[in-house]
Each structure stands twice: as C-alpha cells, then as structure tokens.
Amino acid sequence: QVQVVESGGGRVQPGGSLIVSCAASGSISSRYEIEWFRQAPGKKREWVGGIGSGGITDVVNAMKGRFTVSRVIGNNTVFLKMDNLKPEDATVYYCRFVDGHNNYWGRGTQVTVSS
C-alpha cells in the first residue's frame, strides 16, 4: 500500500507562482511514476505532468514554460512549480502514484488564482 499526500495549495494573484508538493510513502518499489493532474468542477481530470523513478520529467504541452515538475531524490517527494498563474489554472491539483498495475491517488490540494 502507498499513501499519497499533496500539500502547498493556496491563493495566489494572477501572474504569481506557487509550488505544490506530493509525498508518497509506504511500500514503494524501485520503479514508479508520480504524476500531477487537475480537475475543475464539471470537467474531466486532466494530466499536467509527471516524473518517473529514473528522473525523466514531462509536462503537458499547453503548460510547458510555466509548469515544472521536479523531485527530491531519495524521499519520494515530487514538486509542481507553477509560474505565471492564470485564473484558469485555479482548481484542485491531484497527485497519482503509479507502481506497476497499481494507482494511488491523493486527496488533492486547492489552488486559487485571484486578485
């Protein structure tokens, strides 16, 4: 079993930056992926970006240049740094840990973008 906990959400002004974190703990194998999603009310959950255990990161094209995924090696914590935030970025951000055929989701962290 793996536990996934997101943190770091909050309110930021348009054009500002925010870093949200995802911490995975429990029975973690040597090969996994940690991914970020977001879901606005009434919309489908969309993939934002992610990182594999080998360190390769990726971000959806629409957010490249503004969003960056990184990690702390050794403690299974992944960060999503969001720059130049826009009102349409305001939603709940979720983290998913993928280990073989198993998916573990966190409860999400709310990001609000408003002045």
N, C-alpha and C. Protein backbone atom coordinates (compact mmCIF):
# COMPACT_ATOMS: atom_id res chain seq x y z
N GLN A 1 0.84 -1.20 0.00
CA GLN A 1 0.00 0.00 0.00
C GLN A 1 0.87 1.25 0.00
N VAL A 2 0.42 2.25 -0.72
CA VAL A 2 1.15 3.52 -0.81
C VAL A 2 0.21 4.64 -0.41
N GLN A 3 0.70 5.56 0.39
CA GLN A 3 -0.06 6.74 0.77
C GLN A 3 0.48 7.93 -0.01
N VAL A 4 -0.44 8.74 -0.50
CA VAL A 4 -0.08 9.91 -1.30
C VAL A 4 -0.72 11.14 -0.67
N VAL A 5 0.08 12.14 -0.41
CA VAL A 5 -0.43 13.35 0.23
C VAL A 5 0.08 14.57 -0.51
N GLU A 6 -0.86 15.40 -0.98
CA GLU A 6 -0.50 16.66 -1.61
C GLU A 6 -0.52 17.78 -0.57
N SER A 7 0.28 18.80 -0.81
CA SER A 7 0.28 19.96 0.07
C SER A 7 0.78 21.16 -0.71
N GLY A 8 0.60 22.33 -0.10
CA GLY A 8 1.16 23.55 -0.69
C GLY A 8 0.20 24.39 -1.47
N GLY A 9 -1.04 23.94 -1.62
CA GLY A 9 -2.01 24.76 -2.33
C GLY A 9 -2.33 26.03 -1.57
N GLY A 10 -2.97 26.95 -2.25
CA GLY A 10 -3.33 28.20 -1.60
C GLY A 10 -3.79 29.21 -2.63
N ARG A 11 -3.81 30.46 -2.18
CA ARG A 11 -4.27 31.55 -3.04
C ARG A 11 -3.07 32.33 -3.55
N VAL A 12 -3.10 32.65 -4.82
CA VAL A 12 -2.03 33.45 -5.41
C VAL A 12 -2.65 34.41 -6.41
N GLN A 13 -2.02 35.54 -6.60
CA GLN A 13 -2.51 36.52 -7.56
C GLN A 13 -2.17 36.10 -8.98
N PRO A 14 -2.96 36.54 -9.96
CA PRO A 14 -2.61 36.25 -11.36
C PRO A 14 -1.19 36.72 -11.67
N GLY A 15 -0.45 35.87 -12.35
CA GLY A 15 0.95 36.15 -12.64
C GLY A 15 1.91 35.67 -11.58
N GLY A 16 1.39 35.22 -10.47
CA GLY A 16 2.23 34.75 -9.39
C GLY A 16 2.66 33.30 -9.57
N SER A 17 3.40 32.82 -8.57
CA SER A 17 3.92 31.45 -8.61
C SER A 17 3.52 30.69 -7.35
N LEU A 18 3.50 29.38 -7.49
CA LEU A 18 3.14 28.52 -6.37
C LEU A 18 3.79 27.17 -6.59
N ILE A 19 4.21 26.55 -5.49
CA ILE A 19 4.76 25.19 -5.56
C ILE A 19 3.88 24.28 -4.73
N VAL A 20 3.39 23.22 -5.34
CA VAL A 20 2.66 22.20 -4.61
C VAL A 20 3.51 20.94 -4.56
N SER A 21 3.33 20.19 -3.49
CA SER A 21 4.16 19.02 -3.24
C SER A 21 3.32 17.76 -3.18
N CYS A 22 3.95 16.66 -3.50
CA CYS A 22 3.32 15.35 -3.40
C CYS A 22 4.30 14.41 -2.71
N ALA A 23 3.89 13.88 -1.59
CA ALA A 23 4.74 12.95 -0.84
C ALA A 23 4.13 11.56 -0.87
N ALA A 24 4.90 10.60 -1.32
CA ALA A 24 4.46 9.21 -1.35
C ALA A 24 5.21 8.42 -0.29
N SER A 25 4.50 7.58 0.42
CA SER A 25 5.12 6.76 1.45
C SER A 25 4.46 5.39 1.49
N GLY A 26 5.16 4.45 2.10
CA GLY A 26 4.62 3.10 2.20
C GLY A 26 5.49 2.11 1.44
N SER A 27 4.85 1.16 0.80
CA SER A 27 5.56 0.10 0.08
C SER A 27 5.87 0.56 -1.34
N ILE A 28 7.00 1.23 -1.48
CA ILE A 28 7.37 1.84 -2.76
C ILE A 28 8.45 1.00 -3.41
N SER A 29 8.19 0.60 -4.64
CA SER A 29 9.17 -0.19 -5.36
C SER A 29 10.20 0.72 -6.00
N SER A 30 11.13 0.12 -6.68
CA SER A 30 12.21 0.91 -7.28
C SER A 30 11.79 1.56 -8.59
N ARG A 31 10.69 1.10 -9.18
CA ARG A 31 10.23 1.66 -10.44
C ARG A 31 8.81 2.17 -10.26
N TYR A 32 8.61 3.46 -10.52
CA TYR A 32 7.30 4.06 -10.34
C TYR A 32 7.23 5.37 -11.11
N GLU A 33 6.05 5.90 -11.18
CA GLU A 33 5.85 7.24 -11.72
C GLU A 33 4.96 8.02 -10.75
N ILE A 34 5.23 9.29 -10.63
CA ILE A 34 4.39 10.18 -9.85
C ILE A 34 3.91 11.27 -10.80
N GLU A 35 2.61 11.43 -10.87
CA GLU A 35 2.01 12.33 -11.86
C GLU A 35 1.09 13.35 -11.20
N TRP A 36 0.99 14.48 -11.84
CA TRP A 36 0.07 15.53 -11.41
C TRP A 36 -1.10 15.63 -12.40
N PHE A 37 -2.28 15.78 -11.83
CA PHE A 37 -3.49 16.02 -12.58
C PHE A 37 -4.19 17.22 -11.97
N ARG A 38 -5.14 17.74 -12.71
CA ARG A 38 -6.01 18.76 -12.14
C ARG A 38 -7.41 18.55 -12.67
N GLN A 39 -8.36 18.99 -11.89
CA GLN A 39 -9.75 18.81 -12.28
C GLN A 39 -10.59 19.98 -11.78
N ALA A 40 -11.18 20.67 -12.72
CA ALA A 40 -12.07 21.76 -12.38
C ALA A 40 -13.49 21.20 -12.26
N PRO A 41 -14.35 21.87 -11.51
CA PRO A 41 -15.73 21.39 -11.35
C PRO A 41 -16.42 21.19 -12.69
N GLY A 42 -17.02 20.05 -12.88
CA GLY A 42 -17.75 19.78 -14.10
C GLY A 42 -16.90 19.40 -15.29
N LYS A 43 -15.59 19.30 -15.08
CA LYS A 43 -14.69 18.96 -16.19
C LYS A 43 -13.95 17.67 -15.89
N LYS A 44 -13.41 17.09 -16.96
CA LYS A 44 -12.64 15.87 -16.79
C LYS A 44 -11.29 16.18 -16.14
N ARG A 45 -10.80 15.18 -15.43
CA ARG A 45 -9.49 15.33 -14.82
C ARG A 45 -8.44 15.30 -15.94
N GLU A 46 -7.53 16.25 -15.93
CA GLU A 46 -6.54 16.33 -16.98
C GLU A 46 -5.13 16.16 -16.44
N TRP A 47 -4.30 15.51 -17.23
CA TRP A 47 -2.93 15.27 -16.85
C TRP A 47 -2.11 16.56 -17.01
N VAL A 48 -1.29 16.85 -16.01
CA VAL A 48 -0.48 18.07 -16.03
C VAL A 48 0.97 17.76 -16.32
N GLY A 49 1.49 16.76 -15.63
CA GLY A 49 2.89 16.40 -15.81
C GLY A 49 3.27 15.31 -14.86
N GLY A 50 4.52 14.87 -14.94
CA GLY A 50 4.94 13.81 -14.06
C GLY A 50 6.41 13.52 -14.15
N ILE A 51 6.82 12.58 -13.33
CA ILE A 51 8.23 12.18 -13.29
C ILE A 51 8.31 10.70 -12.98
N GLY A 52 9.26 10.02 -13.63
CA GLY A 52 9.48 8.62 -13.34
C GLY A 52 10.59 8.42 -12.33
N SER A 53 10.71 7.21 -11.86
CA SER A 53 11.74 6.92 -10.87
C SER A 53 13.13 7.13 -11.43
N GLY A 54 13.26 7.12 -12.76
CA GLY A 54 14.55 7.39 -13.38
C GLY A 54 14.86 8.85 -13.50
N GLY A 55 13.91 9.71 -13.15
CA GLY A 55 14.15 11.14 -13.14
C GLY A 55 13.68 11.90 -14.36
N ILE A 56 13.15 11.22 -15.34
CA ILE A 56 12.68 11.90 -16.55
C ILE A 56 11.34 12.56 -16.26
N THR A 57 11.25 13.84 -16.59
CA THR A 57 10.04 14.60 -16.34
C THR A 57 9.35 14.96 -17.65
N ASP A 58 8.08 15.26 -17.54
CA ASP A 58 7.32 15.71 -18.69
C ASP A 58 6.17 16.57 -18.20
N VAL A 59 5.78 17.53 -19.02
CA VAL A 59 4.67 18.43 -18.72
C VAL A 59 3.82 18.54 -19.99
N VAL A 60 2.54 18.64 -19.81
CA VAL A 60 1.65 18.77 -20.96
C VAL A 60 2.06 20.00 -21.76
N ASN A 61 1.98 19.92 -23.07
CA ASN A 61 2.47 20.99 -23.95
C ASN A 61 1.89 22.36 -23.61
N ALA A 62 0.62 22.38 -23.29
CA ALA A 62 -0.05 23.66 -23.04
C ALA A 62 0.52 24.40 -21.84
N MET A 63 1.20 23.68 -20.96
CA MET A 63 1.73 24.29 -19.75
C MET A 63 3.25 24.36 -19.71
N LYS A 64 3.88 23.86 -20.74
CA LYS A 64 5.35 23.94 -20.77
C LYS A 64 5.78 25.39 -20.80
N GLY A 65 6.82 25.66 -20.06
CA GLY A 65 7.28 27.03 -19.91
C GLY A 65 6.72 27.71 -18.69
N ARG A 66 5.60 27.24 -18.18
CA ARG A 66 5.02 27.79 -16.95
C ARG A 66 5.07 26.80 -15.81
N PHE A 67 4.90 25.51 -16.10
CA PHE A 67 4.86 24.48 -15.05
C PHE A 67 6.11 23.61 -15.15
N THR A 68 6.65 23.27 -14.01
CA THR A 68 7.85 22.43 -13.95
C THR A 68 7.66 21.36 -12.88
N VAL A 69 8.04 20.14 -13.22
CA VAL A 69 7.99 19.04 -12.27
C VAL A 69 9.41 18.70 -11.83
N SER A 70 9.59 18.51 -10.55
CA SER A 70 10.91 18.14 -10.03
C SER A 70 10.71 17.22 -8.83
N ARG A 71 11.80 16.74 -8.29
CA ARG A 71 11.68 15.83 -7.16
C ARG A 71 12.88 15.97 -6.24
N VAL A 72 12.71 15.45 -5.03
CA VAL A 72 13.80 15.28 -4.09
C VAL A 72 14.19 13.81 -4.16
N ILE A 73 15.40 13.56 -4.59
CA ILE A 73 15.84 12.18 -4.74
C ILE A 73 15.94 11.52 -3.38
N GLY A 74 15.37 10.34 -3.27
CA GLY A 74 15.54 9.56 -2.06
C GLY A 74 14.37 9.60 -1.09
N ASN A 75 13.46 10.59 -1.23
CA ASN A 75 12.36 10.57 -0.28
C ASN A 75 11.00 10.61 -0.95
N ASN A 76 10.96 10.34 -2.25
CA ASN A 76 9.70 10.17 -2.98
C ASN A 76 8.78 11.38 -2.86
N THR A 77 9.34 12.55 -2.91
CA THR A 77 8.57 13.79 -2.91
C THR A 77 8.75 14.46 -4.25
N VAL A 78 7.63 14.84 -4.83
CA VAL A 78 7.62 15.47 -6.15
C VAL A 78 6.97 16.84 -6.03
N PHE A 79 7.51 17.79 -6.75
CA PHE A 79 7.00 19.15 -6.72
C PHE A 79 6.45 19.54 -8.08
N LEU A 80 5.44 20.37 -8.04
CA LEU A 80 4.93 21.01 -9.25
C LEU A 80 5.05 22.51 -9.03
N LYS A 81 5.95 23.12 -9.75
CA LYS A 81 6.14 24.57 -9.64
C LYS A 81 5.35 25.22 -10.77
N MET A 82 4.50 26.14 -10.39
CA MET A 82 3.62 26.81 -11.34
C MET A 82 3.94 28.29 -11.36
N ASP A 83 4.34 28.79 -12.51
CA ASP A 83 4.67 30.20 -12.68
C ASP A 83 3.63 30.88 -13.57
N ASN A 84 3.59 32.20 -13.46
CA ASN A 84 2.68 32.99 -14.28
C ASN A 84 1.26 32.39 -14.25
N LEU A 85 0.77 32.17 -13.07
CA LEU A 85 -0.53 31.53 -12.92
C LEU A 85 -1.65 32.40 -13.46
N LYS A 86 -2.62 31.73 -14.04
CA LYS A 86 -3.76 32.39 -14.64
C LYS A 86 -5.02 31.96 -13.92
N PRO A 87 -6.08 32.74 -14.01
CA PRO A 87 -7.33 32.34 -13.35
C PRO A 87 -7.80 30.94 -13.76
N GLU A 88 -7.54 30.56 -15.01
CA GLU A 88 -7.99 29.24 -15.46
C GLU A 88 -7.16 28.10 -14.88
N ASP A 89 -6.07 28.43 -14.20
CA ASP A 89 -5.29 27.40 -13.51
C ASP A 89 -5.86 27.06 -12.13
N ALA A 90 -6.81 27.86 -11.70
CA ALA A 90 -7.39 27.66 -10.37
C ALA A 90 -8.28 26.43 -10.36
N THR A 91 -7.90 25.45 -9.59
CA THR A 91 -8.66 24.22 -9.46
C THR A 91 -7.99 23.33 -8.43
N VAL A 92 -8.44 22.10 -8.31
CA VAL A 92 -7.81 21.15 -7.40
C VAL A 92 -6.76 20.35 -8.16
N TYR A 93 -5.58 20.26 -7.58
CA TYR A 93 -4.48 19.51 -8.17
C TYR A 93 -4.29 18.20 -7.39
N TYR A 94 -4.24 17.12 -8.16
CA TYR A 94 -4.13 15.79 -7.58
C TYR A 94 -2.81 15.14 -7.98
N CYS A 95 -2.34 14.30 -7.12
CA CYS A 95 -1.13 13.53 -7.37
C CYS A 95 -1.49 12.05 -7.46
N ARG A 96 -0.88 11.37 -8.41
CA ARG A 96 -1.10 9.93 -8.56
C ARG A 96 0.23 9.21 -8.57
N PHE A 97 0.31 8.16 -7.77
CA PHE A 97 1.49 7.31 -7.73
C PHE A 97 1.15 6.04 -8.49
N VAL A 98 1.97 5.70 -9.48
CA VAL A 98 1.74 4.53 -10.31
C VAL A 98 2.88 3.55 -10.11
N ASP A 99 2.52 2.35 -9.72
CA ASP A 99 3.51 1.31 -9.41
C ASP A 99 3.03 0.03 -10.07
N GLY A 100 3.54 -0.26 -11.25
CA GLY A 100 3.06 -1.43 -11.96
C GLY A 100 1.61 -1.26 -12.34
N HIS A 101 0.76 -2.13 -11.84
CA HIS A 101 -0.66 -2.05 -12.14
C HIS A 101 -1.45 -1.30 -11.08
N ASN A 102 -0.78 -0.75 -10.12
CA ASN A 102 -1.45 -0.09 -9.00
C ASN A 102 -1.40 1.42 -9.15
N ASN A 103 -2.53 2.06 -8.90
CA ASN A 103 -2.62 3.51 -8.88
C ASN A 103 -3.07 3.96 -7.50
N TYR A 104 -2.39 4.95 -6.96
CA TYR A 104 -2.77 5.51 -5.68
C TYR A 104 -2.93 7.02 -5.85
N TRP A 105 -4.06 7.53 -5.41
CA TRP A 105 -4.36 8.95 -5.55
C TRP A 105 -4.32 9.66 -4.20
N GLY A 106 -3.90 10.90 -4.23
CA GLY A 106 -4.06 11.75 -3.06
C GLY A 106 -5.42 12.41 -3.08
N ARG A 107 -5.67 13.20 -2.06
CA ARG A 107 -6.98 13.86 -1.94
C ARG A 107 -7.02 15.21 -2.64
N GLY A 108 -5.87 15.68 -3.08
CA GLY A 108 -5.85 16.92 -3.82
C GLY A 108 -5.52 18.12 -2.96
N THR A 109 -5.07 19.16 -3.63
CA THR A 109 -4.79 20.43 -2.96
C THR A 109 -5.35 21.54 -3.83
N GLN A 110 -6.04 22.49 -3.21
CA GLN A 110 -6.74 23.55 -3.93
C GLN A 110 -5.79 24.70 -4.26
N VAL A 111 -5.83 25.10 -5.52
CA VAL A 111 -5.09 26.29 -5.95
C VAL A 111 -6.10 27.34 -6.40
N THR A 112 -6.01 28.51 -5.82
CA THR A 112 -6.89 29.62 -6.16
C THR A 112 -6.06 30.75 -6.76
N VAL A 113 -6.50 31.26 -7.88
CA VAL A 113 -5.79 32.36 -8.54
C VAL A 113 -6.77 33.53 -8.65
N SER A 114 -6.53 34.53 -7.87
CA SER A 114 -7.42 35.69 -7.89
C SER A 114 -6.70 36.88 -7.29
N SER A 115 -7.17 38.04 -7.65
CA SER A 115 -6.59 39.26 -7.10
C SER A 115 -7.44 39.79 -5.96
